[in-house]
Amino acid sequence: MLFSNPPLLVEPSRTRNDAFLLKLGVQLEIKACTYGFNVPALAQFLGMSVTQLKRKTRMYLNTSPGRLILRHRMRKAAHLLRTRHLSIKQIAYASGYQEPAFFSSAFKAYYQYTPTEYRSRFNTVQQPGQLDWELPLTPTRLQQIIRLGKQLPWVKELLLFALEHLEQNGASMQGLAVRTFLSPAQLNRKANRMFGISPGRIVRELRLCHAADLLCSTDETVTSIAYDLNFVDAAHFCHRFETAFGQSPTSYRKTKEATGWVGIQQKLEAAFRSSDVDNDLAAAKARGTQIMSRRST
């Protein structure tokens, strides 16, 4: 059965066991998608033996506690597949699975679709279109990139990774792939499809954009900027800069064509600092507290 808006809490029946069912629902909401959470852990949180827990869930919900945990995990995974631009690996982790392959098998057994098939069939989020990467980027283009970063976690991580490695030559693409929860091949394919260039080139060109910032906002010499950013030498830096911007660093500084670029590092970091990955546990605890409060009044 497919759920368009799956509930995440067990519906308490109107019996004398409301307190048990409510507590069970809150614990499942908070803990079910935590890696390693299982039936013994649930029984411990509820203050009863595994046997008692199984008997109660069978009596009042006609199912097993293991099935309840699985249902919460699968419904959350389905919700993320329909509504978020996350990789299968990220969704697996968010649903309490450490191994994406095991998650995919469990998901297919539950819904009769693989996660990829389910997303293709039921995704409700419009995919962003391609955005050509071209220097110098205008302020409008920068805002478009920021919006993409807020929609697509892998774009956000790519940009932040580049910004954190502005002074390193040859940042590890393997490290970047791990950070985005993608394989190097997947990341390269996504970047080329979205921006028309490789992720490595994006990282290199953001270093040049940072150099443009320094040219316009400081009195550092071209040679000093080249060495600060770990280019091989000033000649290499000038060649790379002129190839990207169409003029030498000295000419660029004189014409001040980078007015839209000054502070790009701060703008990107400020844009993404407040849009970190959702803290599902905190949100679940808040919802559980609200429900307990309503039930007690």
C-alpha atoms as a PDB file:
ATOM      1  CA  MET A   1       0.000   0.000   0.000  1.00  0.00           C
ATOM      2  CA  LEU A   2       1.287   3.456  -0.945  1.00  0.00           C
ATOM      3  CA  PHE A   3       0.721   6.426   1.359  1.00  0.00           C
ATOM      4  CA  SER A   4       0.435   9.941  -0.043  1.00  0.00           C
ATOM      5  CA  ASN A   5       0.793  11.557   3.378  1.00  0.00           C
ATOM      6  CA  PRO A   6       1.945   8.810   5.725  1.00  0.00           C
ATOM      7  CA  PRO A   7       1.307   9.380   9.426  1.00  0.00           C
ATOM      8  CA  LEU A   8       4.381   8.900  11.554  1.00  0.00           C
ATOM      9  CA  LEU A   9       2.654   8.186  14.859  1.00  0.00           C
ATOM     10  CA  VAL A  10       0.687   5.171  15.932  1.00  0.00           C
ATOM     11  CA  GLU A  11      -2.960   6.093  16.316  1.00  0.00           C
ATOM     12  CA  PRO A  12      -3.860   5.525  19.997  1.00  0.00           C
ATOM     13  CA  SER A  13      -7.047   3.555  20.467  1.00  0.00           C
ATOM     14  CA  ARG A  14      -9.631   4.863  22.876  1.00  0.00           C
ATOM     15  CA  THR A  15      -9.065   2.296  25.601  1.00  0.00           C
ATOM     16  CA  ARG A  16      -7.522   2.186  29.021  1.00  0.00           C
ATOM     17  CA  ASN A  17      -4.239   1.455  27.250  1.00  0.00           C
ATOM     18  CA  ASP A  18      -4.104   4.929  25.696  1.00  0.00           C
ATOM     19  CA  ALA A  19      -1.059   5.783  27.810  1.00  0.00           C
ATOM     20  CA  PHE A  20       0.873   2.748  26.543  1.00  0.00           C
ATOM     21  CA  LEU A  21      -0.047   3.344  22.917  1.00  0.00           C
ATOM     22  CA  LEU A  22       0.754   7.033  23.132  1.00  0.00           C
ATOM     23  CA  LYS A  23       4.128   6.365  24.705  1.00  0.00           C
ATOM     24  CA  LEU A  24       4.809   3.708  22.088  1.00  0.00           C
ATOM     25  CA  GLY A  25       3.961   6.135  19.294  1.00  0.00           C
ATOM     26  CA  VAL A  26       6.175   8.887  20.691  1.00  0.00           C
ATOM     27  CA  GLN A  27       9.138   6.528  21.105  1.00  0.00           C
ATOM     28  CA  LEU A  28       8.726   5.241  17.560  1.00  0.00           C
ATOM     29  CA  GLU A  29       8.522   8.785  16.255  1.00  0.00           C
ATOM     30  CA  ILE A  30      11.714   9.769  18.044  1.00  0.00           C
ATOM     31  CA  LYS A  31      13.787   6.596  17.768  1.00  0.00           C
ATOM     32  CA  ALA A  32      12.563   4.375  14.923  1.00  0.00           C
ATOM     33  CA  CYS A  33      14.867   5.893  12.289  1.00  0.00           C
ATOM     34  CA  THR A  34      17.952   5.846  14.500  1.00  0.00           C
ATOM     35  CA  TYR A  35      20.563   3.348  13.360  1.00  0.00           C
ATOM     36  CA  GLY A  36      20.723   0.332  15.668  1.00  0.00           C
ATOM     37  CA  PHE A  37      17.282   0.889  17.166  1.00  0.00           C
ATOM     38  CA  ASN A  38      15.500  -2.458  17.563  1.00  0.00           C
ATOM     39  CA  VAL A  39      12.779  -4.244  19.505  1.00  0.00           C
ATOM     40  CA  PRO A  40      14.834  -4.768  22.711  1.00  0.00           C
ATOM     41  CA  ALA A  41      15.751  -1.078  22.695  1.00  0.00           C
ATOM     42  CA  LEU A  42      12.101  -0.111  22.260  1.00  0.00           C
ATOM     43  CA  ALA A  43      11.064  -2.401  25.100  1.00  0.00           C
ATOM     44  CA  GLN A  44      13.719  -0.857  27.342  1.00  0.00           C
ATOM     45  CA  PHE A  45      12.506   2.677  26.580  1.00  0.00           C
ATOM     46  CA  LEU A  46       8.950   1.588  27.428  1.00  0.00           C
ATOM     47  CA  GLY A  47      10.038  -0.075  30.674  1.00  0.00           C
ATOM     48  CA  MET A  48       8.872  -3.593  29.856  1.00  0.00           C
ATOM     49  CA  SER A  49      10.207  -6.915  28.618  1.00  0.00           C
ATOM     50  CA  VAL A  50      10.336  -7.834  24.940  1.00  0.00           C
ATOM     51  CA  THR A  51       7.711 -10.510  25.560  1.00  0.00           C
ATOM     52  CA  GLN A  52       5.323  -7.999  27.164  1.00  0.00           C
ATOM     53  CA  LEU A  53       5.868  -5.553  24.317  1.00  0.00           C
ATOM     54  CA  LYS A  54       5.148  -8.183  21.675  1.00  0.00           C
ATOM     55  CA  ARG A  55       2.011  -9.299  23.486  1.00  0.00           C
ATOM     56  CA  LYS A  56       0.674  -5.756  23.847  1.00  0.00           C
ATOM     57  CA  THR A  57       1.342  -4.702  20.245  1.00  0.00           C
ATOM     58  CA  ARG A  58      -0.228  -7.929  18.991  1.00  0.00           C
ATOM     59  CA  MET A  59      -3.265  -7.445  21.231  1.00  0.00           C
ATOM     60  CA  TYR A  60      -3.935  -3.789  20.522  1.00  0.00           C
ATOM     61  CA  LEU A  61      -2.407  -3.167  17.094  1.00  0.00           C
ATOM     62  CA  ASN A  62      -2.464  -6.644  15.585  1.00  0.00           C
ATOM     63  CA  THR A  63       1.171  -6.401  14.549  1.00  0.00           C
ATOM     64  CA  SER A  64       4.661  -6.918  15.937  1.00  0.00           C
ATOM     65  CA  PRO A  65       6.966  -4.194  17.315  1.00  0.00           C
ATOM     66  CA  GLY A  66       9.528  -5.061  14.634  1.00  0.00           C
ATOM     67  CA  ARG A  67       6.918  -4.402  11.970  1.00  0.00           C
ATOM     68  CA  LEU A  68       6.065  -1.047  13.584  1.00  0.00           C
ATOM     69  CA  ILE A  69       9.714   0.021  13.440  1.00  0.00           C
ATOM     70  CA  LEU A  70       9.945  -1.094   9.810  1.00  0.00           C
ATOM     71  CA  ARG A  71       6.746   0.776   8.931  1.00  0.00           C
ATOM     72  CA  HIS A  72       8.057   4.036  10.388  1.00  0.00           C
ATOM     73  CA  ARG A  73      11.345   3.665   8.542  1.00  0.00           C
ATOM     74  CA  MET A  74       9.719   2.832   5.219  1.00  0.00           C
ATOM     75  CA  ARG A  75       7.187   5.651   5.450  1.00  0.00           C
ATOM     76  CA  LYS A  76       9.892   8.165   6.228  1.00  0.00           C
ATOM     77  CA  ALA A  77      12.008   6.883   3.338  1.00  0.00           C
ATOM     78  CA  ALA A  78       9.029   7.094   0.975  1.00  0.00           C
ATOM     79  CA  HIS A  79       8.299  10.640   2.145  1.00  0.00           C
ATOM     80  CA  LEU A  80      11.903  11.718   1.512  1.00  0.00           C
ATOM     81  CA  LEU A  81      11.940  10.067  -1.912  1.00  0.00           C
ATOM     82  CA  ARG A  82       8.807  11.967  -2.908  1.00  0.00           C
ATOM     83  CA  THR A  83       9.695  15.357  -1.485  1.00  0.00           C
ATOM     84  CA  ARG A  84      13.469  15.817  -1.183  1.00  0.00           C
ATOM     85  CA  HIS A  85      16.442  15.984  -3.557  1.00  0.00           C
ATOM     86  CA  LEU A  86      18.536  13.487  -1.577  1.00  0.00           C
ATOM     87  CA  SER A  87      20.633  10.576  -2.781  1.00  0.00           C
ATOM     88  CA  ILE A  88      19.510   7.024  -2.021  1.00  0.00           C
ATOM     89  CA  LYS A  89      22.448   6.704   0.359  1.00  0.00           C
ATOM     90  CA  GLN A  90      21.396   9.816   2.289  1.00  0.00           C
ATOM     91  CA  ILE A  91      17.823   8.563   2.532  1.00  0.00           C
ATOM     92  CA  ALA A  92      19.045   5.182   3.728  1.00  0.00           C
ATOM     93  CA  TYR A  93      21.032   6.836   6.542  1.00  0.00           C
ATOM     94  CA  ALA A  94      18.118   9.123   7.442  1.00  0.00           C
ATOM     95  CA  SER A  95      15.837   6.077   7.673  1.00  0.00           C
ATOM     96  CA  GLY A  96      18.080   4.167  10.066  1.00  0.00           C
ATOM     97  CA  TYR A  97      20.047   2.007   7.638  1.00  0.00           C
ATOM     98  CA  GLN A  98      23.826   1.948   7.440  1.00  0.00           C
ATOM     99  CA  GLU A  99      23.997  -0.104   4.234  1.00  0.00           C
ATOM    100  CA  PRO A 100      22.200   1.420   1.210  1.00  0.00           C
ATOM    101  CA  ALA A 101      21.969  -1.993  -0.482  1.00  0.00           C
ATOM    102  CA  PHE A 102      20.153  -3.479   2.525  1.00  0.00           C
ATOM    103  CA  PHE A 103      17.878  -0.439   2.629  1.00  0.00           C
ATOM    104  CA  SER A 104      17.017  -0.847  -1.067  1.00  0.00           C
ATOM    105  CA  SER A 105      16.151  -4.517  -0.557  1.00  0.00           C
ATOM    106  CA  ALA A 106      13.952  -3.736   2.444  1.00  0.00           C
ATOM    107  CA  PHE A 107      12.241  -0.884   0.602  1.00  0.00           C
ATOM    108  CA  LYS A 108      11.465  -3.048  -2.428  1.00  0.00           C
ATOM    109  CA  ALA A 109      10.097  -5.821  -0.228  1.00  0.00           C
ATOM    110  CA  TYR A 110       7.808  -3.295   1.489  1.00  0.00           C
ATOM    111  CA  TYR A 111       6.590  -1.229  -1.497  1.00  0.00           C
ATOM    112  CA  GLN A 112       7.300  -3.536  -4.457  1.00  0.00           C
ATOM    113  CA  TYR A 113       9.414  -0.752  -5.999  1.00  0.00           C
ATOM    114  CA  THR A 114      13.100  -0.017  -5.676  1.00  0.00           C
ATOM    115  CA  PRO A 115      13.816   3.439  -4.174  1.00  0.00           C
ATOM    116  CA  THR A 116      14.803   4.722  -7.631  1.00  0.00           C
ATOM    117  CA  GLU A 117      11.628   3.363  -9.233  1.00  0.00           C
ATOM    118  CA  TYR A 118       9.497   4.798  -6.421  1.00  0.00           C
ATOM    119  CA  ARG A 119      11.064   8.240  -6.792  1.00  0.00           C
ATOM    120  CA  SER A 120      10.608   8.190 -10.568  1.00  0.00           C
ATOM    121  CA  ARG A 121       6.960   7.206 -10.196  1.00  0.00           C
ATOM    122  CA  PHE A 122       5.833   9.331  -7.249  1.00  0.00           C
ATOM    123  CA  ASN A 123       8.249  12.272  -6.936  1.00  0.00           C
ATOM    124  CA  THR A 124       6.306  15.511  -6.433  1.00  0.00           C
ATOM    125  CA  VAL A 125       9.230  17.960  -6.486  1.00  0.00           C
ATOM    126  CA  GLN A 126      10.105  19.661  -9.730  1.00  0.00           C
ATOM    127  CA  GLN A 127      13.712  19.000 -10.706  1.00  0.00           C
ATOM    128  CA  PRO A 128      15.780  22.174 -11.189  1.00  0.00           C
ATOM    129  CA  GLY A 129      16.897  22.818 -14.735  1.00  0.00           C
ATOM    130  CA  GLN A 130      20.439  23.159 -16.000  1.00  0.00           C
ATOM    131  CA  LEU A 131      22.397  26.271 -15.048  1.00  0.00           C
ATOM    132  CA  ASP A 132      25.429  27.025 -17.197  1.00  0.00           C
ATOM    133  CA  TRP A 133      28.553  27.845 -15.213  1.00  0.00           C
ATOM    134  CA  GLU A 134      30.313  30.828 -16.737  1.00  0.00           C
ATOM    135  CA  LEU A 135      32.794  33.353 -15.339  1.00  0.00           C
ATOM    136  CA  PRO A 136      32.482  36.037 -14.283  1.00  0.00           C
ATOM    137  CA  LEU A 137      29.249  35.142 -12.548  1.00  0.00           C
ATOM    138  CA  THR A 138      26.763  37.961 -12.205  1.00  0.00           C
ATOM    139  CA  PRO A 139      24.964  38.684  -8.903  1.00  0.00           C
ATOM    140  CA  THR A 140      21.821  37.214 -10.463  1.00  0.00           C
ATOM    141  CA  ARG A 141      23.622  34.023 -11.385  1.00  0.00           C
ATOM    142  CA  LEU A 142      25.099  33.833  -7.892  1.00  0.00           C
ATOM    143  CA  GLN A 143      21.596  33.961  -6.399  1.00  0.00           C
ATOM    144  CA  GLN A 144      20.505  31.186  -8.762  1.00  0.00           C
ATOM    145  CA  ILE A 145      23.410  29.046  -7.570  1.00  0.00           C
ATOM    146  CA  ILE A 146      22.493  29.741  -3.936  1.00  0.00           C
ATOM    147  CA  ARG A 147      18.899  28.680  -4.628  1.00  0.00           C
ATOM    148  CA  LEU A 148      20.172  25.470  -6.209  1.00  0.00           C
ATOM    149  CA  GLY A 149      22.314  24.831  -3.147  1.00  0.00           C
ATOM    150  CA  LYS A 150      19.272  25.167  -0.916  1.00  0.00           C
ATOM    151  CA  GLN A 151      17.313  22.738  -3.093  1.00  0.00           C
ATOM    152  CA  LEU A 152      20.040  20.180  -3.760  1.00  0.00           C
ATOM    153  CA  PRO A 153      22.208  19.026  -0.838  1.00  0.00           C
ATOM    154  CA  TRP A 154      24.987  17.809  -3.142  1.00  0.00           C
ATOM    155  CA  VAL A 155      25.285  21.293  -4.706  1.00  0.00           C
ATOM    156  CA  LYS A 156      25.464  22.860  -1.259  1.00  0.00           C
ATOM    157  CA  GLU A 157      28.195  20.464  -0.159  1.00  0.00           C
ATOM    158  CA  LEU A 158      30.104  20.993  -3.406  1.00  0.00           C
ATOM    159  CA  LEU A 159      30.105  24.766  -2.941  1.00  0.00           C
ATOM    160  CA  LEU A 160      31.012  24.644   0.738  1.00  0.00           C
ATOM    161  CA  PHE A 161      33.765  22.110   0.062  1.00  0.00           C
ATOM    162  CA  ALA A 162      35.225  24.453  -2.542  1.00  0.00           C
ATOM    163  CA  LEU A 163      34.998  27.431  -0.207  1.00  0.00           C
ATOM    164  CA  GLU A 164      36.741  25.499   2.546  1.00  0.00           C
ATOM    165  CA  HIS A 165      39.581  24.635   0.155  1.00  0.00           C
ATOM    166  CA  LEU A 166      40.160  28.051  -1.391  1.00  0.00           C
ATOM    167  CA  GLU A 167      43.820  27.996  -0.434  1.00  0.00           C
ATOM    168  CA  GLN A 168      44.567  24.418  -1.487  1.00  0.00           C
ATOM    169  CA  ASN A 169      45.697  23.343  -4.929  1.00  0.00           C
ATOM    170  CA  GLY A 170      44.247  20.026  -6.048  1.00  0.00           C
ATOM    171  CA  ALA A 171      41.556  19.398  -3.419  1.00  0.00           C
ATOM    172  CA  SER A 172      40.632  15.708  -3.209  1.00  0.00           C
ATOM    173  CA  MET A 173      37.685  14.850  -5.427  1.00  0.00           C
ATOM    174  CA  GLN A 174      37.382  11.569  -3.521  1.00  0.00           C
ATOM    175  CA  GLY A 175      36.912  13.561  -0.320  1.00  0.00           C
ATOM    176  CA  LEU A 176      34.322  15.715  -2.044  1.00  0.00           C
ATOM    177  CA  ALA A 177      32.434  12.642  -3.280  1.00  0.00           C
ATOM    178  CA  VAL A 178      32.338  11.175   0.242  1.00  0.00           C
ATOM    179  CA  ARG A 179      31.022  14.443   1.605  1.00  0.00           C
ATOM    180  CA  THR A 180      28.183  14.542  -0.948  1.00  0.00           C
ATOM    181  CA  PHE A 181      27.256  10.867  -0.342  1.00  0.00           C
ATOM    182  CA  LEU A 182      27.934  10.147  -4.019  1.00  0.00           C
ATOM    183  CA  SER A 183      30.520   8.134  -5.892  1.00  0.00           C
ATOM    184  CA  PRO A 184      33.053  10.199  -7.907  1.00  0.00           C
ATOM    185  CA  ALA A 185      31.349   9.063 -11.119  1.00  0.00           C
ATOM    186  CA  GLN A 186      27.883  10.038  -9.843  1.00  0.00           C
ATOM    187  CA  LEU A 187      29.118  13.436  -8.690  1.00  0.00           C
ATOM    188  CA  ASN A 188      30.848  14.108 -11.995  1.00  0.00           C
ATOM    189  CA  ARG A 189      27.706  13.121 -13.897  1.00  0.00           C
ATOM    190  CA  LYS A 190      25.449  15.328 -11.776  1.00  0.00           C
ATOM    191  CA  ALA A 191      27.756  18.352 -12.002  1.00  0.00           C
ATOM    192  CA  ASN A 192      28.065  18.073 -15.766  1.00  0.00           C
ATOM    193  CA  ARG A 193      24.323  17.670 -16.143  1.00  0.00           C
ATOM    194  CA  MET A 194      23.583  20.652 -13.882  1.00  0.00           C
ATOM    195  CA  PHE A 195      26.406  23.097 -14.698  1.00  0.00           C
ATOM    196  CA  GLY A 196      27.993  21.767 -17.876  1.00  0.00           C
ATOM    197  CA  ILE A 197      31.419  21.352 -16.216  1.00  0.00           C
ATOM    198  CA  SER A 198      33.133  18.928 -13.849  1.00  0.00           C
ATOM    199  CA  PRO A 199      33.096  19.360 -10.046  1.00  0.00           C
ATOM    200  CA  GLY A 200      36.886  19.711 -10.128  1.00  0.00           C
ATOM    201  CA  ARG A 201      36.608  22.677 -12.442  1.00  0.00           C
ATOM    202  CA  ILE A 202      33.979  24.277 -10.212  1.00  0.00           C
ATOM    203  CA  VAL A 203      36.371  23.998  -7.258  1.00  0.00           C
ATOM    204  CA  ARG A 204      39.255  25.478  -9.285  1.00  0.00           C
ATOM    205  CA  GLU A 205      37.175  28.355 -10.616  1.00  0.00           C
ATOM    206  CA  LEU A 206      35.851  29.254  -7.183  1.00  0.00           C
ATOM    207  CA  ARG A 207      39.497  29.672  -6.141  1.00  0.00           C
ATOM    208  CA  LEU A 208      39.857  32.122  -9.023  1.00  0.00           C
ATOM    209  CA  CYS A 209      36.688  33.909  -7.912  1.00  0.00           C
ATOM    210  CA  HIS A 210      38.161  34.249  -4.437  1.00  0.00           C
ATOM    211  CA  ALA A 211      41.291  35.678  -6.050  1.00  0.00           C
ATOM    212  CA  ALA A 212      39.075  38.210  -7.841  1.00  0.00           C
ATOM    213  CA  ASP A 213      37.614  39.174  -4.456  1.00  0.00           C
ATOM    214  CA  LEU A 214      41.105  39.744  -3.091  1.00  0.00           C
ATOM    215  CA  LEU A 215      42.127  41.806  -6.097  1.00  0.00           C
ATOM    216  CA  CYS A 216      39.198  44.166  -5.565  1.00  0.00           C
ATOM    217  CA  SER A 217      39.055  44.280  -1.772  1.00  0.00           C
ATOM    218  CA  THR A 218      42.732  44.288  -0.753  1.00  0.00           C
ATOM    219  CA  ASP A 219      46.006  45.920  -1.742  1.00  0.00           C
ATOM    220  CA  GLU A 220      47.855  42.599  -1.981  1.00  0.00           C
ATOM    221  CA  THR A 221      50.103  42.185  -4.985  1.00  0.00           C
ATOM    222  CA  VAL A 222      49.240  39.689  -7.690  1.00  0.00           C
ATOM    223  CA  THR A 223      52.225  37.597  -6.668  1.00  0.00           C
ATOM    224  CA  SER A 224      51.158  37.589  -3.023  1.00  0.00           C
ATOM    225  CA  ILE A 225      47.616  36.484  -3.926  1.00  0.00           C
ATOM    226  CA  ALA A 226      48.990  33.740  -6.158  1.00  0.00           C
ATOM    227  CA  TYR A 227      51.091  32.308  -3.344  1.00  0.00           C
ATOM    228  CA  ASP A 228      48.396  32.794  -0.694  1.00  0.00           C
ATOM    229  CA  LEU A 229      46.064  30.643  -2.788  1.00  0.00           C
ATOM    230  CA  ASN A 230      48.754  28.041  -3.448  1.00  0.00           C
ATOM    231  CA  PHE A 231      49.102  28.487  -7.196  1.00  0.00           C
ATOM    232  CA  VAL A 232      52.368  27.124  -8.574  1.00  0.00           C
ATOM    233  CA  ASP A 233      53.657  30.632  -9.236  1.00  0.00           C
ATOM    234  CA  ALA A 234      52.438  34.078 -10.281  1.00  0.00           C
ATOM    235  CA  ALA A 235      52.732  33.270 -13.999  1.00  0.00           C
ATOM    236  CA  HIS A 236      50.571  30.174 -13.596  1.00  0.00           C
ATOM    237  CA  PHE A 237      48.001  32.152 -11.616  1.00  0.00           C
ATOM    238  CA  CYS A 238      47.901  34.947 -14.216  1.00  0.00           C
ATOM    239  CA  HIS A 239      47.452  32.428 -17.026  1.00  0.00           C
ATOM    240  CA  ARG A 240      44.583  30.655 -15.244  1.00  0.00           C
ATOM    241  CA  PHE A 241      42.947  33.951 -14.263  1.00  0.00           C
ATOM    242  CA  GLU A 242      43.120  35.405 -17.776  1.00  0.00           C
ATOM    243  CA  THR A 243      41.706  32.189 -19.263  1.00  0.00           C
ATOM    244  CA  ALA A 244      38.729  32.338 -16.904  1.00  0.00           C
ATOM    245  CA  PHE A 245      38.019  36.099 -16.824  1.00  0.00           C
ATOM    246  CA  GLY A 246      39.284  37.263 -20.204  1.00  0.00           C
ATOM    247  CA  GLN A 247      41.798  39.724 -18.772  1.00  0.00           C
ATOM    248  CA  SER A 248      44.860  39.774 -16.589  1.00  0.00           C
ATOM    249  CA  PRO A 249      44.568  40.164 -12.794  1.00  0.00           C
ATOM    250  CA  THR A 250      46.097  43.670 -13.042  1.00  0.00           C
ATOM    251  CA  SER A 251      43.580  44.794 -15.671  1.00  0.00           C
ATOM    252  CA  TYR A 252      40.752  43.225 -13.723  1.00  0.00           C
ATOM    253  CA  ARG A 253      41.736  45.160 -10.616  1.00  0.00           C
ATOM    254  CA  LYS A 254      41.913  48.449 -12.529  1.00  0.00           C
ATOM    255  CA  THR A 255      38.552  48.100 -14.238  1.00  0.00           C
ATOM    256  CA  LYS A 256      36.897  46.725 -11.038  1.00  0.00           C
ATOM    257  CA  GLU A 257      34.572  44.513 -13.044  1.00  0.00           C
ATOM    258  CA  ALA A 258      34.230  42.264 -10.013  1.00  0.00           C
ATOM    259  CA  THR A 259      31.891  44.527  -8.037  1.00  0.00           C
ATOM    260  CA  GLY A 260      29.299  41.733  -8.102  1.00  0.00           C
ATOM    261  CA  TRP A 261      31.839  39.306  -6.725  1.00  0.00           C
ATOM    262  CA  VAL A 262      33.230  41.095  -3.687  1.00  0.00           C
ATOM    263  CA  GLY A 263      32.313  38.991  -0.646  1.00  0.00           C
ATOM    264  CA  ILE A 264      31.158  35.899  -2.560  1.00  0.00           C
ATOM    265  CA  GLN A 265      32.724  33.653   0.073  1.00  0.00           C
ATOM    266  CA  GLN A 266      30.776  35.341   2.865  1.00  0.00           C
ATOM    267  CA  LYS A 267      27.566  35.359   0.808  1.00  0.00           C
ATOM    268  CA  LEU A 268      27.678  31.642   0.095  1.00  0.00           C
ATOM    269  CA  GLU A 269      28.588  30.689   3.647  1.00  0.00           C
ATOM    270  CA  ALA A 270      25.905  32.958   5.091  1.00  0.00           C
ATOM    271  CA  ALA A 271      23.327  31.500   2.704  1.00  0.00           C
ATOM    272  CA  PHE A 272      24.054  27.909   3.662  1.00  0.00           C
ATOM    273  CA  ARG A 273      24.935  28.241   7.330  1.00  0.00           C
ATOM    274  CA  SER A 274      21.261  28.613   8.261  1.00  0.00           C
ATOM    275  CA  SER A 275      20.100  25.801   5.950  1.00  0.00           C
ATOM    276  CA  ASP A 276      21.916  22.812   7.432  1.00  0.00           C
ATOM    277  CA  VAL A 277      20.475  19.324   7.129  1.00  0.00           C
ATOM    278  CA  ASP A 278      17.211  19.053   9.084  1.00  0.00           C
ATOM    279  CA  ASN A 279      17.530  17.791  12.637  1.00  0.00           C
ATOM    280  CA  ASP A 280      14.864  15.107  12.464  1.00  0.00           C
ATOM    281  CA  LEU A 281      15.383  13.962  16.029  1.00  0.00           C
ATOM    282  CA  ALA A 282      14.809  17.416  17.496  1.00  0.00           C
ATOM    283  CA  ALA A 283      11.729  17.893  15.345  1.00  0.00           C
ATOM    284  CA  ALA A 284      10.356  14.518  16.361  1.00  0.00           C
ATOM    285  CA  LYS A 285      10.911  15.273  20.036  1.00  0.00           C
ATOM    286  CA  ALA A 286       9.106  18.580  19.654  1.00  0.00           C
ATOM    287  CA  ARG A 287       6.139  16.892  17.973  1.00  0.00           C
ATOM    288  CA  GLY A 288       6.086  14.195  20.636  1.00  0.00           C
ATOM    289  CA  THR A 289       6.094  16.821  23.408  1.00  0.00           C
ATOM    290  CA  GLN A 290       3.192  18.658  21.778  1.00  0.00           C
ATOM    291  CA  ILE A 291       1.159  15.463  21.505  1.00  0.00           C
ATOM    292  CA  MET A 292       1.826  14.498  25.120  1.00  0.00           C
ATOM    293  CA  SER A 293       0.826  17.994  26.194  1.00  0.00           C
ATOM    294  CA  ARG A 294      -2.461  17.845  24.241  1.00  0.00           C
ATOM    295  CA  ARG A 295      -3.290  14.428  25.660  1.00  0.00           C
ATOM    296  CA  SER A 296      -2.646  15.505  29.236  1.00  0.00           C
ATOM    297  CA  THR A 297      -4.948  18.540  29.029  1.00  0.00           C
END
